[in-house]
Amino acid sequence: MTSPLIGPLRTAGSFRQHVEDAVAAAIVSGEFAPGTMLTAPTLAARFDVSATPVREALLNLEKRGFVEIARNKGFRVTAVSEQDLAEIVQIRQWLEAPPMRLLAGAIGRPELARLRAEAEAIVTSAAASDLPTYLTADTTFHLHLLSLTGIDRLVTLVGDLRQQTRLVGLATMLGSPELAESSAEHLTLLDLLEAGDGAGAEELMRRHLGHVTGWWSGRAEQ
């Protein structure tokens, strides 16, 4: 089966960065399951690039905790247990949902316009089944929104937790109504914030993050 993420690169820019983004997306979305062995030569052949940028990308991913070095074998995709994932989601809900009350009705029009453009990028990339762009756009939106609190440590903490998150069912959700609905929630969230509905925005953020252990883990939700 052709991978939606791992294939010949046909884009300008840093090959290392493109490889790193694509492999990270494949790991987060579950295309590369925990325990999968990755090697620079094999991935280089699939990306149709030399092994050097692939090796550099894998070393960066090792620093970020996505893979671990397996001596004389390559790199092994790390696992995040269901308990760990549940704890990550709970912490993220505690950190990301309450600030919505603070931001409700307090975001200026220029900033809202930038956030809407980022939210539209999430919707567009989901519709195009472009997982690397989708995951990057999603991270950009959420961290941008939290940065408006003015609390840099909050942004750093959530950024670190996002790197530990796995969305093992996301690769199978491409083209699904659930992915379209969860993507559109970013725009709904901005509508609530613009209207000054802090309680509604907080509840939506909490429910949205819950998809990590629901839809995005391949499970049905109520």
C-alpha atoms as a PDB file:
ATOM      1  CA  MET A   1       0.000   0.000   0.000  1.00  0.00           C
ATOM      2  CA  THR A   2       1.307   3.432  -0.883  1.00  0.00           C
ATOM      3  CA  SER A   3       2.123   5.551   2.149  1.00  0.00           C
ATOM      4  CA  PRO A   4       0.480   8.986   2.351  1.00  0.00           C
ATOM      5  CA  LEU A   5       3.595  10.247   4.136  1.00  0.00           C
ATOM      6  CA  ILE A   6       6.713   8.354   3.085  1.00  0.00           C
ATOM      7  CA  GLY A   7       7.583   8.749  -0.583  1.00  0.00           C
ATOM      8  CA  PRO A   8       9.834  10.583  -3.038  1.00  0.00           C
ATOM      9  CA  LEU A   9      10.365  14.238  -2.151  1.00  0.00           C
ATOM     10  CA  ARG A  10       9.269  16.670  -4.821  1.00  0.00           C
ATOM     11  CA  THR A  11       9.627  19.894  -2.894  1.00  0.00           C
ATOM     12  CA  ALA A  12      12.214  22.620  -2.463  1.00  0.00           C
ATOM     13  CA  GLY A  13      13.879  23.323   0.857  1.00  0.00           C
ATOM     14  CA  SER A  14      15.685  21.260   3.443  1.00  0.00           C
ATOM     15  CA  PHE A  15      15.482  17.534   2.729  1.00  0.00           C
ATOM     16  CA  ARG A  16      16.350  16.842   6.379  1.00  0.00           C
ATOM     17  CA  GLN A  17      13.437  18.936   7.616  1.00  0.00           C
ATOM     18  CA  HIS A  18      10.997  17.398   5.145  1.00  0.00           C
ATOM     19  CA  VAL A  19      12.100  13.895   6.129  1.00  0.00           C
ATOM     20  CA  GLU A  20      11.902  14.722   9.841  1.00  0.00           C
ATOM     21  CA  ASP A  21       8.398  16.185   9.484  1.00  0.00           C
ATOM     22  CA  ALA A  22       7.155  13.236   7.416  1.00  0.00           C
ATOM     23  CA  VAL A  23       8.584  10.559   9.712  1.00  0.00           C
ATOM     24  CA  ALA A  24       7.328  12.391  12.822  1.00  0.00           C
ATOM     25  CA  ALA A  25       3.852  12.569  11.252  1.00  0.00           C
ATOM     26  CA  ALA A  26       3.988   8.857  10.398  1.00  0.00           C
ATOM     27  CA  ILE A  27       4.891   8.053  14.005  1.00  0.00           C
ATOM     28  CA  VAL A  28       2.309  10.363  15.589  1.00  0.00           C
ATOM     29  CA  SER A  29      -0.464   9.141  13.282  1.00  0.00           C
ATOM     30  CA  GLY A  30       0.345   5.457  13.835  1.00  0.00           C
ATOM     31  CA  GLU A  31       1.587   4.661  10.327  1.00  0.00           C
ATOM     32  CA  PHE A  32       4.880   3.688  11.976  1.00  0.00           C
ATOM     33  CA  ALA A  33       3.721   1.681  14.987  1.00  0.00           C
ATOM     34  CA  PRO A  34       5.691   1.510  18.250  1.00  0.00           C
ATOM     35  CA  GLY A  35       8.579  -0.912  17.904  1.00  0.00           C
ATOM     36  CA  THR A  36       8.952  -0.379  14.149  1.00  0.00           C
ATOM     37  CA  MET A  37      12.606  -0.409  13.100  1.00  0.00           C
ATOM     38  CA  LEU A  38      13.695   2.449  10.841  1.00  0.00           C
ATOM     39  CA  THR A  39      17.007   2.678   9.017  1.00  0.00           C
ATOM     40  CA  ALA A  40      18.531   5.565   7.103  1.00  0.00           C
ATOM     41  CA  PRO A  41      19.252   3.538   3.906  1.00  0.00           C
ATOM     42  CA  THR A  42      15.709   2.103   3.720  1.00  0.00           C
ATOM     43  CA  LEU A  43      14.021   5.453   4.307  1.00  0.00           C
ATOM     44  CA  ALA A  44      16.445   7.189   1.930  1.00  0.00           C
ATOM     45  CA  ALA A  45      15.329   4.833  -0.829  1.00  0.00           C
ATOM     46  CA  ARG A  46      11.666   5.543  -0.118  1.00  0.00           C
ATOM     47  CA  PHE A  47      12.228   9.309  -0.043  1.00  0.00           C
ATOM     48  CA  ASP A  48      14.552   9.077  -3.058  1.00  0.00           C
ATOM     49  CA  VAL A  49      17.274  11.109  -1.340  1.00  0.00           C
ATOM     50  CA  SER A  50      20.729  10.341  -0.001  1.00  0.00           C
ATOM     51  CA  ALA A  51      21.072   8.700   3.412  1.00  0.00           C
ATOM     52  CA  THR A  52      22.734  11.753   5.005  1.00  0.00           C
ATOM     53  CA  PRO A  53      19.649  13.996   5.506  1.00  0.00           C
ATOM     54  CA  VAL A  54      17.643  10.943   6.606  1.00  0.00           C
ATOM     55  CA  ARG A  55      20.226  10.019   9.236  1.00  0.00           C
ATOM     56  CA  GLU A  56      20.286  13.622  10.475  1.00  0.00           C
ATOM     57  CA  ALA A  57      16.476  13.618  10.656  1.00  0.00           C
ATOM     58  CA  LEU A  58      16.425  10.363  12.627  1.00  0.00           C
ATOM     59  CA  LEU A  59      19.008  11.694  15.086  1.00  0.00           C
ATOM     60  CA  ASN A  60      16.859  14.788  15.638  1.00  0.00           C
ATOM     61  CA  LEU A  61      13.810  12.577  16.163  1.00  0.00           C
ATOM     62  CA  GLU A  62      15.802  10.593  18.720  1.00  0.00           C
ATOM     63  CA  LYS A  63      16.468  13.804  20.640  1.00  0.00           C
ATOM     64  CA  ARG A  64      12.746  14.598  20.494  1.00  0.00           C
ATOM     65  CA  GLY A  65      11.825  11.172  21.866  1.00  0.00           C
ATOM     66  CA  PHE A  66      10.107   9.786  18.752  1.00  0.00           C
ATOM     67  CA  VAL A  67      12.691   7.031  18.233  1.00  0.00           C
ATOM     68  CA  GLU A  68      15.470   5.374  20.181  1.00  0.00           C
ATOM     69  CA  ILE A  69      18.782   4.100  18.859  1.00  0.00           C
ATOM     70  CA  ALA A  70      18.940   0.320  18.496  1.00  0.00           C
ATOM     71  CA  ARG A  71      22.634  -0.573  18.330  1.00  0.00           C
ATOM     72  CA  ASN A  72      23.660  -2.062  14.974  1.00  0.00           C
ATOM     73  CA  LYS A  73      20.023  -2.103  13.831  1.00  0.00           C
ATOM     74  CA  GLY A  74      18.881   1.463  13.307  1.00  0.00           C
ATOM     75  CA  PHE A  75      16.185   3.398  15.140  1.00  0.00           C
ATOM     76  CA  ARG A  76      13.196   1.930  16.973  1.00  0.00           C
ATOM     77  CA  VAL A  77       9.919   3.863  17.192  1.00  0.00           C
ATOM     78  CA  THR A  78       9.186   4.552  20.855  1.00  0.00           C
ATOM     79  CA  ALA A  79       5.941   3.569  22.532  1.00  0.00           C
ATOM     80  CA  VAL A  80       3.505   5.669  24.541  1.00  0.00           C
ATOM     81  CA  SER A  81       1.292   3.484  26.742  1.00  0.00           C
ATOM     82  CA  GLU A  82      -2.457   4.008  26.995  1.00  0.00           C
ATOM     83  CA  GLN A  83      -1.973   5.120  30.599  1.00  0.00           C
ATOM     84  CA  ASP A  84       0.719   7.616  29.570  1.00  0.00           C
ATOM     85  CA  LEU A  85      -1.510   8.942  26.776  1.00  0.00           C
ATOM     86  CA  ALA A  86      -4.480   9.313  29.119  1.00  0.00           C
ATOM     87  CA  GLU A  87      -2.305  11.246  31.571  1.00  0.00           C
ATOM     88  CA  ILE A  88      -0.952  13.477  28.791  1.00  0.00           C
ATOM     89  CA  VAL A  89      -4.496  14.274  27.640  1.00  0.00           C
ATOM     90  CA  GLN A  90      -5.643  15.040  31.188  1.00  0.00           C
ATOM     91  CA  ILE A  91      -2.711  17.387  31.770  1.00  0.00           C
ATOM     92  CA  ARG A  92      -3.293  19.101  28.435  1.00  0.00           C
ATOM     93  CA  GLN A  93      -6.957  19.613  29.276  1.00  0.00           C
ATOM     94  CA  TRP A  94      -5.970  21.185  32.586  1.00  0.00           C
ATOM     95  CA  LEU A  95      -3.440  23.450  30.868  1.00  0.00           C
ATOM     96  CA  GLU A  96      -5.210  24.364  27.619  1.00  0.00           C
ATOM     97  CA  ALA A  97      -8.929  24.573  28.422  1.00  0.00           C
ATOM     98  CA  PRO A  98      -9.120  27.088  31.327  1.00  0.00           C
ATOM     99  CA  PRO A  99      -7.137  29.818  29.467  1.00  0.00           C
ATOM    100  CA  MET A 100      -9.973  29.994  26.940  1.00  0.00           C
ATOM    101  CA  ARG A 101     -11.987  31.936  29.537  1.00  0.00           C
ATOM    102  CA  LEU A 102      -9.137  34.449  29.802  1.00  0.00           C
ATOM    103  CA  LEU A 103      -8.918  34.876  26.022  1.00  0.00           C
ATOM    104  CA  ALA A 104     -12.657  35.057  25.332  1.00  0.00           C
ATOM    105  CA  GLY A 105     -13.548  38.507  24.030  1.00  0.00           C
ATOM    106  CA  ALA A 106      -9.966  39.681  24.476  1.00  0.00           C
ATOM    107  CA  ILE A 107      -8.385  38.830  21.106  1.00  0.00           C
ATOM    108  CA  GLY A 108      -8.034  41.717  18.678  1.00  0.00           C
ATOM    109  CA  ARG A 109      -9.278  41.506  15.100  1.00  0.00           C
ATOM    110  CA  PRO A 110      -5.802  41.313  13.469  1.00  0.00           C
ATOM    111  CA  GLU A 111      -4.844  38.414  15.755  1.00  0.00           C
ATOM    112  CA  LEU A 112      -8.168  36.688  15.134  1.00  0.00           C
ATOM    113  CA  ALA A 113      -7.590  36.978  11.399  1.00  0.00           C
ATOM    114  CA  ARG A 114      -4.195  35.268  11.736  1.00  0.00           C
ATOM    115  CA  LEU A 115      -5.684  32.524  13.884  1.00  0.00           C
ATOM    116  CA  ARG A 116      -8.503  32.000  11.369  1.00  0.00           C
ATOM    117  CA  ALA A 117      -5.958  31.596   8.574  1.00  0.00           C
ATOM    118  CA  GLU A 118      -4.158  28.966  10.653  1.00  0.00           C
ATOM    119  CA  ALA A 119      -7.457  27.205  11.431  1.00  0.00           C
ATOM    120  CA  GLU A 120      -8.356  27.201   7.729  1.00  0.00           C
ATOM    121  CA  ALA A 121      -4.980  25.584   7.002  1.00  0.00           C
ATOM    122  CA  ILE A 122      -5.928  22.749   9.372  1.00  0.00           C
ATOM    123  CA  VAL A 123      -9.252  22.229   7.584  1.00  0.00           C
ATOM    124  CA  THR A 124      -7.665  22.416   4.123  1.00  0.00           C
ATOM    125  CA  SER A 125      -4.815  20.011   4.882  1.00  0.00           C
ATOM    126  CA  ALA A 126      -7.224  17.528   6.496  1.00  0.00           C
ATOM    127  CA  ALA A 127      -9.422  17.627   3.394  1.00  0.00           C
ATOM    128  CA  ALA A 128      -6.333  17.055   1.228  1.00  0.00           C
ATOM    129  CA  SER A 129      -5.192  14.120   3.426  1.00  0.00           C
ATOM    130  CA  ASP A 130      -1.889  15.952   3.925  1.00  0.00           C
ATOM    131  CA  LEU A 131      -0.920  14.680   7.388  1.00  0.00           C
ATOM    132  CA  PRO A 132       2.462  16.436   7.791  1.00  0.00           C
ATOM    133  CA  THR A 133       0.912  19.812   6.957  1.00  0.00           C
ATOM    134  CA  TYR A 134      -2.137  19.018   9.086  1.00  0.00           C
ATOM    135  CA  LEU A 135      -0.048  18.210  12.166  1.00  0.00           C
ATOM    136  CA  THR A 136       2.182  21.256  11.687  1.00  0.00           C
ATOM    137  CA  ALA A 137      -0.822  23.561  11.190  1.00  0.00           C
ATOM    138  CA  ASP A 138      -2.554  22.086  14.238  1.00  0.00           C
ATOM    139  CA  THR A 139       0.499  22.651  16.439  1.00  0.00           C
ATOM    140  CA  THR A 140       0.962  26.190  15.101  1.00  0.00           C
ATOM    141  CA  PHE A 141      -2.661  27.100  15.851  1.00  0.00           C
ATOM    142  CA  HIS A 142      -2.775  25.700  19.382  1.00  0.00           C
ATOM    143  CA  LEU A 143       0.555  27.162  20.475  1.00  0.00           C
ATOM    144  CA  HIS A 144      -0.237  30.527  18.860  1.00  0.00           C
ATOM    145  CA  LEU A 145      -3.532  30.642  20.754  1.00  0.00           C
ATOM    146  CA  LEU A 146      -1.860  29.818  24.069  1.00  0.00           C
ATOM    147  CA  SER A 147       0.889  32.386  23.432  1.00  0.00           C
ATOM    148  CA  LEU A 148      -1.782  35.094  23.674  1.00  0.00           C
ATOM    149  CA  THR A 149      -1.949  34.411  27.419  1.00  0.00           C
ATOM    150  CA  GLY A 150       1.548  35.889  27.644  1.00  0.00           C
ATOM    151  CA  ILE A 151       2.734  32.865  29.652  1.00  0.00           C
ATOM    152  CA  ASP A 152       5.747  31.489  27.799  1.00  0.00           C
ATOM    153  CA  ARG A 153       6.183  28.517  30.142  1.00  0.00           C
ATOM    154  CA  LEU A 154       2.648  27.395  29.333  1.00  0.00           C
ATOM    155  CA  VAL A 155       3.448  27.353  25.622  1.00  0.00           C
ATOM    156  CA  THR A 156       6.671  25.413  26.264  1.00  0.00           C
ATOM    157  CA  LEU A 157       4.947  22.855  28.503  1.00  0.00           C
ATOM    158  CA  VAL A 158       2.152  22.205  26.023  1.00  0.00           C
ATOM    159  CA  GLY A 159       4.639  22.013  23.147  1.00  0.00           C
ATOM    160  CA  ASP A 160       6.574  19.326  25.022  1.00  0.00           C
ATOM    161  CA  LEU A 161       3.382  17.384  25.800  1.00  0.00           C
ATOM    162  CA  ARG A 162       2.313  17.514  22.147  1.00  0.00           C
ATOM    163  CA  GLN A 163       5.598  15.850  21.171  1.00  0.00           C
ATOM    164  CA  GLN A 164       4.801  13.007  23.574  1.00  0.00           C
ATOM    165  CA  THR A 165       1.287  12.566  22.174  1.00  0.00           C
ATOM    166  CA  ARG A 166       0.471   9.775  19.730  1.00  0.00           C
ATOM    167  CA  LEU A 167      -2.609   9.798  17.488  1.00  0.00           C
ATOM    168  CA  VAL A 168      -2.388   6.179  16.424  1.00  0.00           C
ATOM    169  CA  GLY A 169      -5.709   6.148  14.561  1.00  0.00           C
ATOM    170  CA  LEU A 170      -5.190   9.376  12.635  1.00  0.00           C
ATOM    171  CA  ALA A 171      -3.716   7.765   9.508  1.00  0.00           C
ATOM    172  CA  THR A 172      -6.893   5.682   9.110  1.00  0.00           C
ATOM    173  CA  MET A 173      -9.132   8.746   9.532  1.00  0.00           C
ATOM    174  CA  LEU A 174      -8.123  10.407   6.286  1.00  0.00           C
ATOM    175  CA  GLY A 175     -11.229  11.493   4.429  1.00  0.00           C
ATOM    176  CA  SER A 176     -13.504  10.613   7.341  1.00  0.00           C
ATOM    177  CA  PRO A 177     -16.374  12.791   8.679  1.00  0.00           C
ATOM    178  CA  GLU A 178     -14.730  12.641  12.116  1.00  0.00           C
ATOM    179  CA  LEU A 179     -11.494  14.217  10.864  1.00  0.00           C
ATOM    180  CA  ALA A 180     -13.463  16.928   9.050  1.00  0.00           C
ATOM    181  CA  GLU A 181     -15.530  17.609  12.182  1.00  0.00           C
ATOM    182  CA  SER A 182     -12.542  17.760  14.522  1.00  0.00           C
ATOM    183  CA  SER A 183     -10.716  20.054  12.089  1.00  0.00           C
ATOM    184  CA  ALA A 184     -13.692  22.419  11.877  1.00  0.00           C
ATOM    185  CA  GLU A 185     -13.750  22.685  15.680  1.00  0.00           C
ATOM    186  CA  HIS A 186     -10.822  25.113  15.462  1.00  0.00           C
ATOM    187  CA  LEU A 187     -13.000  27.590  13.570  1.00  0.00           C
ATOM    188  CA  THR A 188     -15.896  27.048  15.984  1.00  0.00           C
ATOM    189  CA  LEU A 189     -13.535  27.718  18.870  1.00  0.00           C
ATOM    190  CA  LEU A 190     -12.566  31.049  17.348  1.00  0.00           C
ATOM    191  CA  ASP A 191     -16.251  31.936  16.897  1.00  0.00           C
ATOM    192  CA  LEU A 192     -16.826  31.312  20.612  1.00  0.00           C
ATOM    193  CA  LEU A 193     -13.762  33.318  21.610  1.00  0.00           C
ATOM    194  CA  GLU A 194     -14.759  36.231  19.386  1.00  0.00           C
ATOM    195  CA  ALA A 195     -18.262  36.166  20.891  1.00  0.00           C
ATOM    196  CA  GLY A 196     -16.811  36.265  24.401  1.00  0.00           C
ATOM    197  CA  ASP A 197     -18.214  32.835  25.327  1.00  0.00           C
ATOM    198  CA  GLY A 198     -15.454  31.694  27.663  1.00  0.00           C
ATOM    199  CA  ALA A 199     -17.408  28.794  29.136  1.00  0.00           C
ATOM    200  CA  GLY A 200     -18.284  27.456  25.685  1.00  0.00           C
ATOM    201  CA  ALA A 201     -14.724  27.843  24.439  1.00  0.00           C
ATOM    202  CA  GLU A 202     -13.322  26.064  27.495  1.00  0.00           C
ATOM    203  CA  GLU A 203     -15.725  23.147  27.086  1.00  0.00           C
ATOM    204  CA  LEU A 204     -15.005  22.843  23.355  1.00  0.00           C
ATOM    205  CA  MET A 205     -11.249  22.837  23.964  1.00  0.00           C
ATOM    206  CA  ARG A 206     -11.633  20.133  26.608  1.00  0.00           C
ATOM    207  CA  ARG A 207     -13.766  18.002  24.268  1.00  0.00           C
ATOM    208  CA  HIS A 208     -11.456  18.654  21.316  1.00  0.00           C
ATOM    209  CA  LEU A 209      -8.404  17.426  23.233  1.00  0.00           C
ATOM    210  CA  GLY A 210     -10.393  14.364  24.255  1.00  0.00           C
ATOM    211  CA  HIS A 211     -10.273  13.195  20.640  1.00  0.00           C
ATOM    212  CA  VAL A 212      -6.672  12.121  21.344  1.00  0.00           C
ATOM    213  CA  THR A 213      -7.953   9.116  23.279  1.00  0.00           C
ATOM    214  CA  GLY A 214     -11.103   8.863  21.149  1.00  0.00           C
ATOM    215  CA  TRP A 215     -11.319   9.355  17.385  1.00  0.00           C
ATOM    216  CA  TRP A 216      -7.612   9.980  16.929  1.00  0.00           C
ATOM    217  CA  SER A 217      -6.849   6.687  18.677  1.00  0.00           C
ATOM    218  CA  GLY A 218      -9.295   4.811  16.473  1.00  0.00           C
ATOM    219  CA  ARG A 219     -12.031   4.623  19.112  1.00  0.00           C
ATOM    220  CA  ALA A 220     -15.699   5.576  18.886  1.00  0.00           C
ATOM    221  CA  GLU A 221     -16.906   8.554  20.906  1.00  0.00           C
ATOM    222  CA  GLN A 222     -20.265   9.325  22.468  1.00  0.00           C
END
